[in-house]
Amino acid sequence: MASRKLFGALFLAFLFVSLVTAAQAAVYGYIVVRGKNIDHTNREIETIERLIKTWPNGEVLHKHSVVSGGAFFFKKITATIFFAGNQKDISGFLTQGPYEGDYVKDVVVQFNYNSRVSESAFDGDINTTYTRKFANIRKALETIQGKDAKILWNDLKEGKAKEYKKHLVADKLIDPSVNIIFYSVQPVEENRLFGISFTPGNVTPRQN
């Protein structure tokens, strides 16, 4: 009887530790890295990613990089790195590091489907916009991982058939594109995390 009670106590202790560890792992954050030298900034980003992976439960979830500017010497790079880890590691990283960043909890993803009403550049567009809410950035990122314009338009066709049909002109899509924007908590500009555009044959990160 005593051994059975001991076993039960050990099992509950193990379950408690497992739950605490899982809860700690489900903490998410992001930082923004900016630089004028693309090669130097990319090396800095790689160093940050290696650091995150040394944490217990540390994981790089997504890296969103945008290069802007004209001539080579005037180009700038802005990278937003999303990651998971334990509360202690993320807290220390956000408070002690030189980077802009914060925790990421609730995420709103805004989808904007756009196509033209005719081949003419002077005619108007057809738009379908909707949002989805996610409890964490990991689930939100699944909406773009492995996706292209064709898959996203098929998602609209299957999920919102009436909206999809509005975009068809003679049973085809004209200049279709999908713009997706990630927000923290609510879809307002000051909470914008990053954006990405999908057109046939092309995926373009958008400036934060």
C-alpha atoms as a PDB file:
ATOM      1  CA  MET A   1       0.000   0.000   0.000  1.00  0.00           C
ATOM      2  CA  ALA A   2       2.797   2.392   0.941  1.00  0.00           C
ATOM      3  CA  SER A   3       4.642   1.713  -2.298  1.00  0.00           C
ATOM      4  CA  ARG A   4       1.442   2.348  -4.245  1.00  0.00           C
ATOM      5  CA  LYS A   5       0.976   5.711  -2.516  1.00  0.00           C
ATOM      6  CA  LEU A   6       4.623   6.562  -3.174  1.00  0.00           C
ATOM      7  CA  PHE A   7       4.217   5.688  -6.831  1.00  0.00           C
ATOM      8  CA  GLY A   8       1.069   7.824  -7.029  1.00  0.00           C
ATOM      9  CA  ALA A   9       2.854  10.774  -5.420  1.00  0.00           C
ATOM     10  CA  LEU A  10       5.806  10.449  -7.792  1.00  0.00           C
ATOM     11  CA  PHE A  11       3.480  10.278 -10.776  1.00  0.00           C
ATOM     12  CA  LEU A  12       1.659  13.435  -9.684  1.00  0.00           C
ATOM     13  CA  ALA A  13       4.985  15.191  -9.159  1.00  0.00           C
ATOM     14  CA  PHE A  14       6.149  14.148 -12.614  1.00  0.00           C
ATOM     15  CA  LEU A  15       2.856  15.306 -14.135  1.00  0.00           C
ATOM     16  CA  PHE A  16       3.165  18.671 -12.375  1.00  0.00           C
ATOM     17  CA  VAL A  17       6.719  19.179 -13.635  1.00  0.00           C
ATOM     18  CA  SER A  18       5.660  18.208 -17.153  1.00  0.00           C
ATOM     19  CA  LEU A  19       2.786  20.673 -17.107  1.00  0.00           C
ATOM     20  CA  VAL A  20       5.007  23.468 -15.784  1.00  0.00           C
ATOM     21  CA  THR A  21       7.634  22.742 -18.442  1.00  0.00           C
ATOM     22  CA  ALA A  22       5.004  22.721 -21.178  1.00  0.00           C
ATOM     23  CA  ALA A  23       3.580  26.003 -19.895  1.00  0.00           C
ATOM     24  CA  GLN A  24       7.035  27.544 -19.861  1.00  0.00           C
ATOM     25  CA  ALA A  25       7.693  26.375 -23.413  1.00  0.00           C
ATOM     26  CA  ALA A  26       4.526  28.047 -24.648  1.00  0.00           C
ATOM     27  CA  VAL A  27       5.977  31.547 -24.267  1.00  0.00           C
ATOM     28  CA  TYR A  28       6.585  33.538 -27.423  1.00  0.00           C
ATOM     29  CA  GLY A  29       8.434  36.706 -28.284  1.00  0.00           C
ATOM     30  CA  TYR A  30       9.958  38.696 -31.102  1.00  0.00           C
ATOM     31  CA  ILE A  31      12.786  41.135 -31.736  1.00  0.00           C
ATOM     32  CA  VAL A  32      13.528  43.507 -34.607  1.00  0.00           C
ATOM     33  CA  VAL A  33      17.060  43.698 -36.016  1.00  0.00           C
ATOM     34  CA  ARG A  34      17.959  46.609 -38.295  1.00  0.00           C
ATOM     35  CA  GLY A  35      21.152  47.325 -40.211  1.00  0.00           C
ATOM     36  CA  LYS A  36      22.648  49.105 -43.197  1.00  0.00           C
ATOM     37  CA  ASN A  37      25.178  46.421 -44.077  1.00  0.00           C
ATOM     38  CA  ILE A  38      23.201  43.399 -45.259  1.00  0.00           C
ATOM     39  CA  ASP A  39      26.000  40.845 -44.804  1.00  0.00           C
ATOM     40  CA  HIS A  40      26.861  42.111 -41.328  1.00  0.00           C
ATOM     41  CA  THR A  41      23.201  42.181 -40.277  1.00  0.00           C
ATOM     42  CA  ASN A  42      22.619  38.648 -41.584  1.00  0.00           C
ATOM     43  CA  ARG A  43      25.560  37.410 -39.505  1.00  0.00           C
ATOM     44  CA  GLU A  44      24.076  39.174 -36.484  1.00  0.00           C
ATOM     45  CA  ILE A  45      20.747  37.479 -37.118  1.00  0.00           C
ATOM     46  CA  GLU A  46      22.437  34.066 -37.402  1.00  0.00           C
ATOM     47  CA  THR A  47      24.182  34.659 -34.061  1.00  0.00           C
ATOM     48  CA  ILE A  48      20.840  35.510 -32.428  1.00  0.00           C
ATOM     49  CA  GLU A  49      19.227  32.394 -33.863  1.00  0.00           C
ATOM     50  CA  ARG A  50      22.049  30.203 -32.533  1.00  0.00           C
ATOM     51  CA  LEU A  51      21.650  31.802 -29.095  1.00  0.00           C
ATOM     52  CA  ILE A  52      17.911  31.132 -29.006  1.00  0.00           C
ATOM     53  CA  LYS A  53      18.499  27.489 -29.919  1.00  0.00           C
ATOM     54  CA  THR A  54      20.791  27.058 -26.892  1.00  0.00           C
ATOM     55  CA  TRP A  55      17.918  27.822 -24.491  1.00  0.00           C
ATOM     56  CA  PRO A  56      15.929  24.970 -22.955  1.00  0.00           C
ATOM     57  CA  ASN A  57      12.877  24.789 -25.246  1.00  0.00           C
ATOM     58  CA  GLY A  58      14.360  27.563 -27.385  1.00  0.00           C
ATOM     59  CA  GLU A  59      13.081  27.608 -30.951  1.00  0.00           C
ATOM     60  CA  VAL A  60      13.170  30.061 -33.844  1.00  0.00           C
ATOM     61  CA  LEU A  61       9.667  30.061 -35.324  1.00  0.00           C
ATOM     62  CA  HIS A  62       9.939  32.523 -38.181  1.00  0.00           C
ATOM     63  CA  LYS A  63      12.252  35.161 -39.644  1.00  0.00           C
ATOM     64  CA  HIS A  64      10.758  37.968 -41.688  1.00  0.00           C
ATOM     65  CA  SER A  65      13.339  40.023 -43.589  1.00  0.00           C
ATOM     66  CA  VAL A  66      12.741  43.085 -45.749  1.00  0.00           C
ATOM     67  CA  VAL A  67      15.460  44.841 -47.756  1.00  0.00           C
ATOM     68  CA  SER A  68      14.710  48.447 -48.707  1.00  0.00           C
ATOM     69  CA  GLY A  69      16.554  51.320 -50.351  1.00  0.00           C
ATOM     70  CA  GLY A  70      17.922  52.086 -53.799  1.00  0.00           C
ATOM     71  CA  ALA A  71      21.616  51.755 -54.647  1.00  0.00           C
ATOM     72  CA  PHE A  72      23.754  49.082 -52.966  1.00  0.00           C
ATOM     73  CA  PHE A  73      25.301  51.442 -50.421  1.00  0.00           C
ATOM     74  CA  PHE A  74      21.907  52.796 -49.354  1.00  0.00           C
ATOM     75  CA  LYS A  75      20.130  49.487 -48.810  1.00  0.00           C
ATOM     76  CA  LYS A  76      18.762  48.680 -45.366  1.00  0.00           C
ATOM     77  CA  ILE A  77      17.602  45.403 -43.897  1.00  0.00           C
ATOM     78  CA  THR A  78      14.922  44.959 -41.268  1.00  0.00           C
ATOM     79  CA  ALA A  79      14.412  41.497 -39.821  1.00  0.00           C
ATOM     80  CA  THR A  80      11.771  40.417 -37.325  1.00  0.00           C
ATOM     81  CA  ILE A  81      12.576  37.167 -35.532  1.00  0.00           C
ATOM     82  CA  PHE A  82       9.808  35.247 -33.772  1.00  0.00           C
ATOM     83  CA  PHE A  83      10.809  32.628 -31.212  1.00  0.00           C
ATOM     84  CA  ALA A  84       9.660  30.374 -28.401  1.00  0.00           C
ATOM     85  CA  GLY A  85      11.321  29.580 -25.106  1.00  0.00           C
ATOM     86  CA  ASN A  86      11.023  29.576 -21.353  1.00  0.00           C
ATOM     87  CA  GLN A  87       9.781  32.685 -19.566  1.00  0.00           C
ATOM     88  CA  LYS A  88      13.115  33.307 -17.831  1.00  0.00           C
ATOM     89  CA  ASP A  89      15.198  33.145 -21.015  1.00  0.00           C
ATOM     90  CA  ILE A  90      12.871  35.333 -23.052  1.00  0.00           C
ATOM     91  CA  SER A  91      12.523  37.880 -20.264  1.00  0.00           C
ATOM     92  CA  GLY A  92      16.298  38.208 -19.905  1.00  0.00           C
ATOM     93  CA  PHE A  93      16.763  38.454 -23.663  1.00  0.00           C
ATOM     94  CA  LEU A  94      14.124  41.179 -24.097  1.00  0.00           C
ATOM     95  CA  THR A  95      15.261  43.292 -21.143  1.00  0.00           C
ATOM     96  CA  GLN A  96      19.039  42.984 -21.498  1.00  0.00           C
ATOM     97  CA  GLY A  97      19.435  43.009 -25.279  1.00  0.00           C
ATOM     98  CA  PRO A  98      19.754  46.124 -27.460  1.00  0.00           C
ATOM     99  CA  TYR A  99      16.836  45.174 -29.704  1.00  0.00           C
ATOM    100  CA  GLU A 100      13.269  46.369 -30.008  1.00  0.00           C
ATOM    101  CA  GLY A 101      10.972  43.498 -29.067  1.00  0.00           C
ATOM    102  CA  ASP A 102       8.260  42.138 -26.817  1.00  0.00           C
ATOM    103  CA  TYR A 103       6.243  39.083 -25.899  1.00  0.00           C
ATOM    104  CA  VAL A 104       3.692  37.828 -28.425  1.00  0.00           C
ATOM    105  CA  LYS A 105       0.457  36.399 -27.074  1.00  0.00           C
ATOM    106  CA  ASP A 106      -2.802  36.780 -28.977  1.00  0.00           C
ATOM    107  CA  VAL A 107      -2.334  37.234 -32.729  1.00  0.00           C
ATOM    108  CA  VAL A 108      -4.782  38.503 -35.346  1.00  0.00           C
ATOM    109  CA  VAL A 109      -4.119  37.632 -38.981  1.00  0.00           C
ATOM    110  CA  GLN A 110      -5.794  39.761 -41.649  1.00  0.00           C
ATOM    111  CA  PHE A 111      -6.301  38.256 -45.113  1.00  0.00           C
ATOM    112  CA  ASN A 112      -6.948  40.519 -48.098  1.00  0.00           C
ATOM    113  CA  TYR A 113      -7.780  38.839 -51.406  1.00  0.00           C
ATOM    114  CA  ASN A 114      -7.605  41.152 -54.402  1.00  0.00           C
ATOM    115  CA  SER A 115      -8.301  40.722 -58.121  1.00  0.00           C
ATOM    116  CA  ARG A 116      -9.357  42.933 -61.047  1.00  0.00           C
ATOM    117  CA  VAL A 117     -12.782  43.168 -62.645  1.00  0.00           C
ATOM    118  CA  SER A 118     -11.287  43.143 -66.148  1.00  0.00           C
ATOM    119  CA  GLU A 119      -8.014  43.104 -68.054  1.00  0.00           C
ATOM    120  CA  SER A 120      -8.096  46.891 -68.259  1.00  0.00           C
ATOM    121  CA  ALA A 121      -5.803  48.741 -65.861  1.00  0.00           C
ATOM    122  CA  PHE A 122      -8.415  51.499 -65.606  1.00  0.00           C
ATOM    123  CA  ASP A 123     -11.142  49.303 -64.163  1.00  0.00           C
ATOM    124  CA  GLY A 124     -11.601  48.587 -60.504  1.00  0.00           C
ATOM    125  CA  ASP A 125     -10.704  45.798 -58.101  1.00  0.00           C
ATOM    126  CA  ILE A 126     -12.596  43.155 -56.187  1.00  0.00           C
ATOM    127  CA  ASN A 127     -11.615  42.759 -52.532  1.00  0.00           C
ATOM    128  CA  THR A 128     -12.363  40.216 -49.849  1.00  0.00           C
ATOM    129  CA  THR A 129     -10.965  40.899 -46.376  1.00  0.00           C
ATOM    130  CA  TYR A 130     -11.388  38.906 -43.188  1.00  0.00           C
ATOM    131  CA  THR A 131      -9.467  38.233 -39.980  1.00  0.00           C
ATOM    132  CA  ARG A 132      -8.688  35.192 -37.867  1.00  0.00           C
ATOM    133  CA  LYS A 133      -7.607  35.182 -34.226  1.00  0.00           C
ATOM    134  CA  PHE A 134      -5.025  32.812 -32.752  1.00  0.00           C
ATOM    135  CA  ALA A 135      -3.939  32.149 -29.182  1.00  0.00           C
ATOM    136  CA  ASN A 136      -0.252  32.152 -30.154  1.00  0.00           C
ATOM    137  CA  ILE A 137       2.103  33.065 -32.983  1.00  0.00           C
ATOM    138  CA  ARG A 138       2.963  29.421 -33.695  1.00  0.00           C
ATOM    139  CA  LYS A 139      -0.603  28.664 -34.788  1.00  0.00           C
ATOM    140  CA  ALA A 140      -0.874  31.941 -36.670  1.00  0.00           C
ATOM    141  CA  LEU A 141       2.256  31.192 -38.699  1.00  0.00           C
ATOM    142  CA  GLU A 142       0.702  27.956 -39.946  1.00  0.00           C
ATOM    143  CA  THR A 143      -1.554  30.094 -42.160  1.00  0.00           C
ATOM    144  CA  ILE A 144       1.422  31.019 -44.388  1.00  0.00           C
ATOM    145  CA  GLN A 145       3.860  28.137 -43.964  1.00  0.00           C
ATOM    146  CA  GLY A 146       4.128  26.115 -47.158  1.00  0.00           C
ATOM    147  CA  LYS A 147       1.539  28.319 -48.860  1.00  0.00           C
ATOM    148  CA  ASP A 148       1.557  30.050 -52.234  1.00  0.00           C
ATOM    149  CA  ALA A 149      -1.025  32.175 -54.066  1.00  0.00           C
ATOM    150  CA  LYS A 150      -2.753  29.151 -55.613  1.00  0.00           C
ATOM    151  CA  ILE A 151      -3.168  27.381 -52.262  1.00  0.00           C
ATOM    152  CA  LEU A 152      -4.473  30.535 -50.576  1.00  0.00           C
ATOM    153  CA  TRP A 153      -7.056  31.145 -53.295  1.00  0.00           C
ATOM    154  CA  ASN A 154      -8.134  27.508 -52.982  1.00  0.00           C
ATOM    155  CA  ASP A 155      -8.507  28.094 -49.242  1.00  0.00           C
ATOM    156  CA  LEU A 156     -10.867  30.977 -50.006  1.00  0.00           C
ATOM    157  CA  LYS A 157     -12.762  28.842 -52.528  1.00  0.00           C
ATOM    158  CA  GLU A 158     -13.270  26.055 -49.982  1.00  0.00           C
ATOM    159  CA  GLY A 159     -13.917  28.227 -46.934  1.00  0.00           C
ATOM    160  CA  LYS A 160     -15.825  31.176 -48.416  1.00  0.00           C
ATOM    161  CA  ALA A 161     -17.219  29.985 -51.740  1.00  0.00           C
ATOM    162  CA  LYS A 162     -19.560  32.975 -52.257  1.00  0.00           C
ATOM    163  CA  GLU A 163     -16.716  35.440 -51.766  1.00  0.00           C
ATOM    164  CA  TYR A 164     -14.492  33.479 -54.128  1.00  0.00           C
ATOM    165  CA  LYS A 165     -17.125  33.518 -56.903  1.00  0.00           C
ATOM    166  CA  LYS A 166     -17.269  37.329 -56.708  1.00  0.00           C
ATOM    167  CA  HIS A 167     -13.672  37.409 -57.962  1.00  0.00           C
ATOM    168  CA  LEU A 168     -14.311  35.287 -61.045  1.00  0.00           C
ATOM    169  CA  VAL A 169     -14.539  37.045 -64.399  1.00  0.00           C
ATOM    170  CA  ALA A 170     -15.557  34.621 -67.142  1.00  0.00           C
ATOM    171  CA  ASP A 171     -14.607  31.807 -64.747  1.00  0.00           C
ATOM    172  CA  LYS A 172     -11.090  33.106 -64.163  1.00  0.00           C
ATOM    173  CA  LEU A 173      -9.139  35.316 -61.765  1.00  0.00           C
ATOM    174  CA  ILE A 174      -7.499  38.446 -63.189  1.00  0.00           C
ATOM    175  CA  ASP A 175      -4.260  39.617 -61.502  1.00  0.00           C
ATOM    176  CA  PRO A 176      -4.997  37.773 -58.244  1.00  0.00           C
ATOM    177  CA  SER A 177      -3.021  38.583 -55.111  1.00  0.00           C
ATOM    178  CA  VAL A 178      -3.270  37.895 -51.389  1.00  0.00           C
ATOM    179  CA  ASN A 179      -1.902  40.288 -48.765  1.00  0.00           C
ATOM    180  CA  ILE A 180      -1.593  38.917 -45.239  1.00  0.00           C
ATOM    181  CA  ILE A 181      -0.804  41.060 -42.208  1.00  0.00           C
ATOM    182  CA  PHE A 182      -0.039  39.836 -38.688  1.00  0.00           C
ATOM    183  CA  TYR A 183      -1.054  41.961 -35.700  1.00  0.00           C
ATOM    184  CA  SER A 184      -0.604  41.614 -31.968  1.00  0.00           C
ATOM    185  CA  VAL A 185      -3.906  41.515 -30.034  1.00  0.00           C
ATOM    186  CA  GLN A 186      -5.943  43.633 -32.483  1.00  0.00           C
ATOM    187  CA  PRO A 187      -5.685  44.711 -36.144  1.00  0.00           C
ATOM    188  CA  VAL A 188      -4.518  48.311 -35.736  1.00  0.00           C
ATOM    189  CA  GLU A 189      -1.421  49.799 -37.359  1.00  0.00           C
ATOM    190  CA  GLU A 190       0.527  50.316 -34.118  1.00  0.00           C
ATOM    191  CA  ASN A 191       0.158  46.588 -33.370  1.00  0.00           C
ATOM    192  CA  ARG A 192       1.384  45.472 -36.790  1.00  0.00           C
ATOM    193  CA  LEU A 193       4.017  42.707 -36.638  1.00  0.00           C
ATOM    194  CA  PHE A 194       4.699  42.028 -40.315  1.00  0.00           C
ATOM    195  CA  GLY A 195       3.076  41.541 -43.700  1.00  0.00           C
ATOM    196  CA  ILE A 196       3.577  39.315 -46.713  1.00  0.00           C
ATOM    197  CA  SER A 197       2.153  39.356 -50.245  1.00  0.00           C
ATOM    198  CA  PHE A 198       1.388  36.367 -52.464  1.00  0.00           C
ATOM    199  CA  THR A 199       1.036  36.639 -56.243  1.00  0.00           C
ATOM    200  CA  PRO A 200       1.296  33.820 -58.807  1.00  0.00           C
ATOM    201  CA  GLY A 201       4.911  32.687 -58.756  1.00  0.00           C
ATOM    202  CA  ASN A 202       6.032  35.192 -56.115  1.00  0.00           C
ATOM    203  CA  VAL A 203       6.033  35.651 -52.330  1.00  0.00           C
ATOM    204  CA  THR A 204       7.124  39.121 -51.145  1.00  0.00           C
ATOM    205  CA  PRO A 205       7.813  40.134 -47.521  1.00  0.00           C
ATOM    206  CA  ARG A 206       6.329  43.555 -46.835  1.00  0.00           C
ATOM    207  CA  GLN A 207       7.849  46.339 -44.788  1.00  0.00           C
ATOM    208  CA  ASN A 208       6.778  46.387 -41.145  1.00  0.00           C
END
